[in-house]
Amino acid sequence: MSLQAERYGQCGMKVAIVGSGGYIAGFLIKALEREAAVDRIFKIDCTEEADAWLSLEDPEHFDYDVLDGVDCVIFTAAVSGPDQCAAEFEACWKINVTGTEYFIREALRKNCNVLFFSSDAVFGDIPGAIYTERSETRAQTPYGQMKKRIEDTFRDNPHFKAIRLSYVVSAKDRFVSYCLSCIRKEEKAEIFHPFYRNCVTVSDVVNTVLWLVAHWQEYGDTFLNVAGRELVSRVRIADELNRLYGNRLAYTIVEPDSTFYRNRPKITQMESIFLYSRGILEEGSFTEKLKMELEDIRI
């Protein structure tokens, strides 16, 4: 039996991914496909590629019997745009809260472990604060309030855990892909500043998920903050891209108007008590991790 199989036990696992057509889910599916001990990856979404169709606007009509025998449900689905959540609050609440609560409750009834993708937005905006897993959640934005509601609803269930993501960086995230596009088109990028997060690469997010799936009972806490060690601005990301791509990104710094910050803090500094001390992720600078994330991306 391989070391991978030992991590999961002698019997292979069945994993379901809700929101399987999403940005991070795509990376996660590829990683799970390489895990010899995972017997089945069951894709749940409102796309033709999904194994089972789910609309979180109408979750009561989903056939929950498909979750029989599923060991872990990884719940990535959400309306994640902070501005959309504010502008279309009732519609987004129906998906991000009402529909999500219904699905998770049914999955827990099927004895599935549920790993929920949350956000650093649950903490709110306390000047100078550095948020850990022990910090009080004081979500102020509609998006943050929706994620907090799910955390609060299920936090006492041992089969529920949530990872709180900082900004997730990859070649496919909105900001980096925008910058790469500007390089290709030889256009000048406009970069909003100030805007700081403890950015984490998508590879580190995937590795965290794989670790939690394999060590569910060993990790006794309900929440895990997934964040890099360094507080990083968008300007820093642009400068790192110039280090990687020969100073080909021309950009101008723009200070956004107050409406941009209405639904997102200028600074959210989040760290983890457990992520590095428990060996879930390896230490490394943002420069090193971004270089590894983009090593196969040629422009």
Protein backbone atom coordinates (compact mmCIF):
# COMPACT_ATOMS: atom_id res chain seq x y z
CA MET A 1 0.00 0.00 0.00
CA SER A 2 1.36 3.42 -0.97
CA LEU A 3 1.99 6.20 1.49
CA GLN A 4 -0.92 8.07 -0.08
CA ALA A 5 -3.20 5.13 0.61
CA GLU A 6 -1.97 4.92 4.20
CA ARG A 7 -3.06 8.50 4.70
CA TYR A 8 -6.65 7.59 3.92
CA GLY A 9 -6.78 4.07 5.34
CA GLN A 10 -7.06 0.81 3.50
CA CYS A 11 -10.40 1.64 1.88
CA GLY A 12 -10.40 4.28 -0.83
CA MET A 13 -12.33 7.48 -0.35
CA LYS A 14 -15.25 8.95 -2.21
CA VAL A 15 -15.13 12.73 -2.36
CA ALA A 16 -17.86 15.06 -3.60
CA ILE A 17 -17.11 18.61 -4.72
CA VAL A 18 -19.95 21.12 -4.70
CA GLY A 19 -19.21 23.90 -7.15
CA SER A 20 -17.03 21.61 -9.26
CA GLY A 21 -16.95 24.06 -12.16
CA GLY A 22 -15.35 26.80 -10.10
CA TYR A 23 -11.88 28.33 -10.21
CA ILE A 24 -10.29 26.61 -7.20
CA ALA A 25 -12.32 23.43 -7.66
CA GLY A 26 -10.63 22.82 -11.00
CA PHE A 27 -7.20 22.72 -9.36
CA LEU A 28 -8.54 20.57 -6.56
CA ILE A 29 -10.07 17.98 -8.90
CA LYS A 30 -6.78 17.57 -10.76
CA ALA A 31 -4.96 17.01 -7.45
CA LEU A 32 -7.53 14.49 -6.21
CA GLU A 33 -7.27 12.59 -9.50
CA ARG A 34 -3.59 12.00 -8.69
CA GLU A 35 -4.41 10.57 -5.25
CA ALA A 36 -4.34 6.77 -5.61
CA ALA A 37 -6.38 6.37 -2.44
CA VAL A 38 -9.33 8.40 -3.74
CA ASP A 39 -11.66 5.99 -5.54
CA ARG A 40 -14.21 8.48 -6.81
CA ILE A 41 -14.56 12.22 -7.28
CA PHE A 42 -18.23 13.14 -7.56
CA LYS A 43 -18.82 16.53 -9.22
CA ILE A 44 -21.88 18.51 -8.15
CA ASP A 45 -22.75 21.77 -9.90
CA CYS A 46 -25.18 23.44 -12.26
CA THR A 47 -23.09 22.61 -15.34
CA GLU A 48 -23.30 19.91 -18.00
CA GLU A 49 -19.96 18.48 -16.87
CA ALA A 50 -21.26 17.73 -13.38
CA ASP A 51 -22.18 14.21 -12.27
CA ALA A 52 -25.22 15.61 -10.46
CA TRP A 53 -27.09 18.84 -11.09
CA LEU A 54 -27.55 21.20 -8.13
CA SER A 55 -29.11 24.63 -7.99
CA LEU A 56 -28.61 26.23 -4.60
CA GLU A 57 -31.65 28.35 -5.36
CA ASP A 58 -33.66 25.13 -5.31
CA PRO A 59 -31.70 22.66 -3.13
CA GLU A 60 -34.72 20.70 -1.91
CA HIS A 61 -35.02 19.05 -5.32
CA PHE A 62 -31.49 17.60 -5.27
CA ASP A 63 -31.25 13.81 -4.93
CA TYR A 64 -29.30 13.52 -1.69
CA ASP A 65 -29.08 9.75 -2.03
CA VAL A 66 -26.09 10.35 -4.32
CA LEU A 67 -24.20 11.27 -1.14
CA ASP A 68 -24.58 7.76 0.26
CA GLY A 69 -21.07 6.44 0.89
CA VAL A 70 -19.42 9.82 0.33
CA ASP A 71 -16.67 10.35 2.91
CA CYS A 72 -16.14 14.07 2.43
CA VAL A 73 -18.07 16.86 0.75
CA ILE A 74 -15.89 19.82 -0.25
CA PHE A 75 -18.22 22.79 -0.53
CA THR A 76 -16.72 25.47 -2.77
CA ALA A 77 -19.89 26.89 -4.35
CA ALA A 78 -20.87 30.51 -3.70
CA VAL A 79 -21.57 33.86 -5.20
CA SER A 80 -18.19 35.29 -4.21
CA GLY A 81 -18.25 38.82 -5.63
CA PRO A 82 -18.47 41.24 -2.70
CA ASP A 83 -20.13 43.93 -4.82
CA GLN A 84 -22.68 41.50 -6.24
CA CYS A 85 -23.51 40.23 -2.76
CA ALA A 86 -24.22 43.80 -1.70
CA ALA A 87 -26.13 44.87 -4.81
CA GLU A 88 -28.20 41.67 -5.05
CA PHE A 89 -28.36 40.84 -1.37
CA GLU A 90 -31.58 38.81 -1.28
CA ALA A 91 -30.70 36.72 -4.34
CA CYS A 92 -27.17 36.03 -3.07
CA TRP A 93 -28.43 35.25 0.44
CA LYS A 94 -30.74 32.65 -1.06
CA ILE A 95 -27.71 30.91 -2.62
CA ASN A 96 -24.93 31.59 -0.11
CA VAL A 97 -27.00 31.02 3.02
CA THR A 98 -30.45 29.48 2.54
CA GLY A 99 -29.47 26.99 -0.17
CA THR A 100 -26.04 26.31 1.31
CA GLU A 101 -27.45 25.62 4.78
CA TYR A 102 -30.02 23.24 3.31
CA PHE A 103 -27.42 21.26 1.36
CA ILE A 104 -24.89 21.06 4.20
CA ARG A 105 -27.56 19.96 6.66
CA GLU A 106 -28.62 17.14 4.33
CA ALA A 107 -24.99 16.11 3.74
CA LEU A 108 -24.39 15.93 7.49
CA ARG A 109 -27.49 13.75 7.83
CA LYS A 110 -25.84 11.40 5.35
CA ASN A 111 -22.85 11.22 7.75
CA CYS A 112 -20.55 13.05 5.33
CA ASN A 113 -17.73 15.22 6.57
CA VAL A 114 -18.27 18.70 5.11
CA LEU A 115 -15.36 21.03 4.38
CA PHE A 116 -16.73 24.50 3.72
CA PHE A 117 -14.82 27.21 1.85
CA SER A 118 -15.13 30.38 3.92
CA SER A 119 -13.28 33.69 3.74
CA ASP A 120 -11.22 36.18 5.71
CA ALA A 121 -14.21 38.48 5.21
CA VAL A 122 -15.84 36.89 8.28
CA PHE A 123 -13.58 38.96 10.55
CA GLY A 124 -14.73 42.40 9.50
CA ASP A 125 -12.50 45.47 9.54
CA ILE A 126 -10.85 46.21 12.88
CA PRO A 127 -7.96 48.68 12.44
CA GLY A 128 -4.61 47.08 13.28
CA ALA A 129 -6.10 43.65 13.99
CA ILE A 130 -4.33 40.41 13.06
CA TYR A 131 -6.96 37.69 12.89
CA THR A 132 -6.32 34.09 13.97
CA GLU A 133 -8.59 31.07 14.31
CA ARG A 134 -9.37 32.31 17.82
CA SER A 135 -10.44 35.82 16.76
CA GLU A 136 -14.04 36.92 17.07
CA THR A 137 -15.85 37.18 13.76
CA ARG A 138 -17.45 40.59 13.21
CA ALA A 139 -18.35 40.48 9.54
CA GLN A 140 -19.51 43.84 8.22
CA THR A 141 -19.89 43.30 4.48
CA PRO A 142 -22.79 41.31 3.04
CA TYR A 143 -20.41 38.66 1.66
CA GLY A 144 -18.66 38.31 5.01
CA GLN A 145 -21.99 38.08 6.84
CA MET A 146 -23.08 35.24 4.56
CA LYS A 147 -19.93 33.24 5.21
CA LYS A 148 -20.15 33.93 8.94
CA ARG A 149 -23.74 32.71 9.03
CA ILE A 150 -22.70 29.31 7.66
CA GLU A 151 -19.79 29.09 10.10
CA ASP A 152 -22.04 29.94 13.05
CA THR A 153 -24.78 27.53 12.00
CA PHE A 154 -22.58 24.43 11.88
CA ARG A 155 -19.59 25.26 14.08
CA ASP A 156 -20.57 22.78 16.81
CA ASN A 157 -20.94 19.81 14.47
CA PRO A 158 -17.81 17.60 14.52
CA HIS A 159 -18.41 16.64 10.88
CA PHE A 160 -18.15 20.28 9.77
CA LYS A 161 -14.96 22.27 9.22
CA ALA A 162 -14.28 25.53 7.40
CA ILE A 163 -11.17 26.91 5.79
CA ARG A 164 -10.99 30.69 5.67
CA LEU A 165 -9.21 31.79 2.54
CA SER A 166 -7.22 34.94 2.07
CA TYR A 167 -6.75 36.14 -1.52
CA VAL A 168 -5.85 33.08 -3.60
CA VAL A 169 -3.15 33.73 -6.19
CA SER A 170 -2.64 31.75 -9.39
CA ALA A 171 -2.26 32.34 -13.12
CA LYS A 172 -6.08 32.17 -13.26
CA ASP A 173 -7.03 34.55 -10.48
CA ARG A 174 -8.62 37.78 -11.65
CA PHE A 175 -5.78 40.13 -10.80
CA VAL A 176 -2.83 38.03 -11.97
CA SER A 177 -4.63 37.00 -15.17
CA TYR A 178 -5.38 40.68 -15.81
CA CYS A 179 -1.70 41.57 -15.37
CA LEU A 180 -0.57 38.71 -17.61
CA SER A 181 -3.05 39.82 -20.24
CA CYS A 182 -1.64 43.36 -20.07
CA ILE A 183 1.85 41.97 -20.66
CA ARG A 184 0.71 39.99 -23.69
CA LYS A 185 -1.18 42.94 -25.17
CA GLU A 186 1.55 45.44 -24.18
CA GLU A 187 -1.03 47.49 -22.32
CA LYS A 188 -0.56 49.46 -19.12
CA ALA A 189 -2.28 47.95 -16.11
CA GLU A 190 -4.18 50.00 -13.53
CA ILE A 191 -3.52 48.76 -10.02
CA PHE A 192 -5.68 49.70 -7.06
CA HIS A 193 -3.73 50.70 -3.96
CA PRO A 194 -3.89 50.42 -0.98
CA PHE A 195 -5.24 46.86 -0.94
CA TYR A 196 -3.45 44.29 1.25
CA ARG A 197 -4.08 40.61 1.99
CA ASN A 198 -2.05 37.65 3.30
CA CYS A 199 -2.10 36.12 -0.16
CA VAL A 200 -1.86 32.35 -0.54
CA THR A 201 -1.23 30.38 -3.72
CA VAL A 202 -3.84 28.02 -5.09
CA SER A 203 -1.35 25.14 -4.74
CA ASP A 204 -1.16 25.79 -1.01
CA VAL A 205 -4.96 25.87 -0.80
CA VAL A 206 -5.14 22.50 -2.55
CA ASN A 207 -2.47 21.02 -0.28
CA THR A 208 -4.36 22.26 2.77
CA VAL A 209 -7.58 20.63 1.59
CA LEU A 210 -5.83 17.31 0.92
CA TRP A 211 -4.27 17.41 4.39
CA LEU A 212 -7.60 18.10 6.11
CA VAL A 213 -9.41 15.38 4.20
CA ALA A 214 -6.74 12.91 5.28
CA HIS A 215 -6.47 14.13 8.90
CA TRP A 216 -10.05 15.10 9.71
CA GLN A 217 -10.19 13.74 13.24
CA GLU A 218 -6.58 14.61 13.99
CA TYR A 219 -7.33 18.28 13.33
CA GLY A 220 -9.57 19.05 16.28
CA ASP A 221 -10.52 22.63 15.48
CA THR A 222 -13.50 23.68 13.40
CA PHE A 223 -11.72 26.50 11.56
CA LEU A 224 -8.42 26.83 9.74
CA ASN A 225 -7.13 30.12 8.38
CA VAL A 226 -5.36 29.61 5.05
CA ALA A 227 -3.04 32.56 4.57
CA GLY A 228 0.51 33.39 3.61
CA ARG A 229 3.04 34.69 6.09
CA GLU A 230 3.37 38.10 4.42
CA LEU A 231 0.89 40.95 4.04
CA VAL A 232 0.96 41.61 0.30
CA SER A 233 -0.41 44.46 -1.81
CA ARG A 234 -1.45 44.32 -5.44
CA VAL A 235 1.52 46.54 -6.22
CA ARG A 236 3.80 43.91 -4.65
CA ILE A 237 2.22 41.23 -6.84
CA ALA A 238 2.81 43.37 -9.92
CA ASP A 239 6.44 43.90 -8.95
CA GLU A 240 6.89 40.15 -8.42
CA LEU A 241 5.47 39.53 -11.88
CA ASN A 242 8.02 41.94 -13.28
CA ARG A 243 10.77 39.97 -11.56
CA LEU A 244 9.50 36.83 -13.26
CA TYR A 245 8.78 38.32 -16.68
CA GLY A 246 11.61 40.75 -17.28
CA ASN A 247 9.92 44.02 -16.26
CA ARG A 248 7.40 43.71 -19.06
CA LEU A 249 4.41 44.80 -16.98
CA ALA A 250 3.86 48.54 -17.21
CA TYR A 251 1.43 49.81 -14.63
CA THR A 252 0.04 52.88 -12.97
CA ILE A 253 -1.16 53.03 -9.38
CA VAL A 254 -4.74 54.16 -8.87
CA GLU A 255 -6.39 54.99 -5.56
CA PRO A 256 -9.98 53.75 -5.88
CA ASP A 257 -12.87 55.84 -4.69
CA SER A 258 -14.67 55.07 -1.45
CA THR A 259 -17.24 52.83 -3.13
CA PHE A 260 -14.54 50.20 -3.81
CA TYR A 261 -13.85 49.86 -0.08
CA ARG A 262 -17.52 49.76 0.87
CA ASN A 263 -17.63 46.00 0.42
CA ARG A 264 -13.99 45.09 1.10
CA PRO A 265 -11.49 46.42 3.68
CA LYS A 266 -8.27 48.08 2.55
CA ILE A 267 -6.32 45.69 4.76
CA THR A 268 -7.22 42.26 6.10
CA GLN A 269 -4.32 40.70 7.99
CA MET A 270 -4.98 37.07 8.79
CA GLU A 271 -2.61 34.45 10.14
CA SER A 272 -2.94 30.88 11.34
CA ILE A 273 -2.03 29.33 14.65
CA PHE A 274 -1.91 25.88 13.05
CA LEU A 275 -1.15 26.04 9.33
CA TYR A 276 2.64 26.07 9.59
CA SER A 277 3.20 24.89 13.16
CA ARG A 278 1.36 21.65 12.40
CA GLY A 279 3.28 21.16 9.16
CA ILE A 280 0.15 21.45 7.03
CA LEU A 281 2.02 23.84 4.72
CA GLU A 282 5.71 24.41 4.24
CA GLU A 283 7.23 27.76 5.10
CA GLY A 284 8.32 29.99 2.24
CA SER A 285 8.38 33.60 1.13
CA PHE A 286 5.69 35.03 -1.13
CA THR A 287 8.37 35.49 -3.79
CA GLU A 288 9.27 31.80 -3.69
CA LYS A 289 5.70 30.57 -3.66
CA LEU A 290 4.57 32.81 -6.52
CA LYS A 291 7.55 31.72 -8.60
CA MET A 292 6.63 28.07 -8.08
CA GLU A 293 2.97 28.78 -8.89
CA LEU A 294 3.82 30.42 -12.21
CA GLU A 295 6.85 28.37 -13.25
CA ASP A 296 5.01 26.76 -16.18
CA ILE A 297 3.37 29.97 -17.40
CA ARG A 298 5.09 31.41 -20.44
CA ILE A 299 4.22 34.74 -22.03
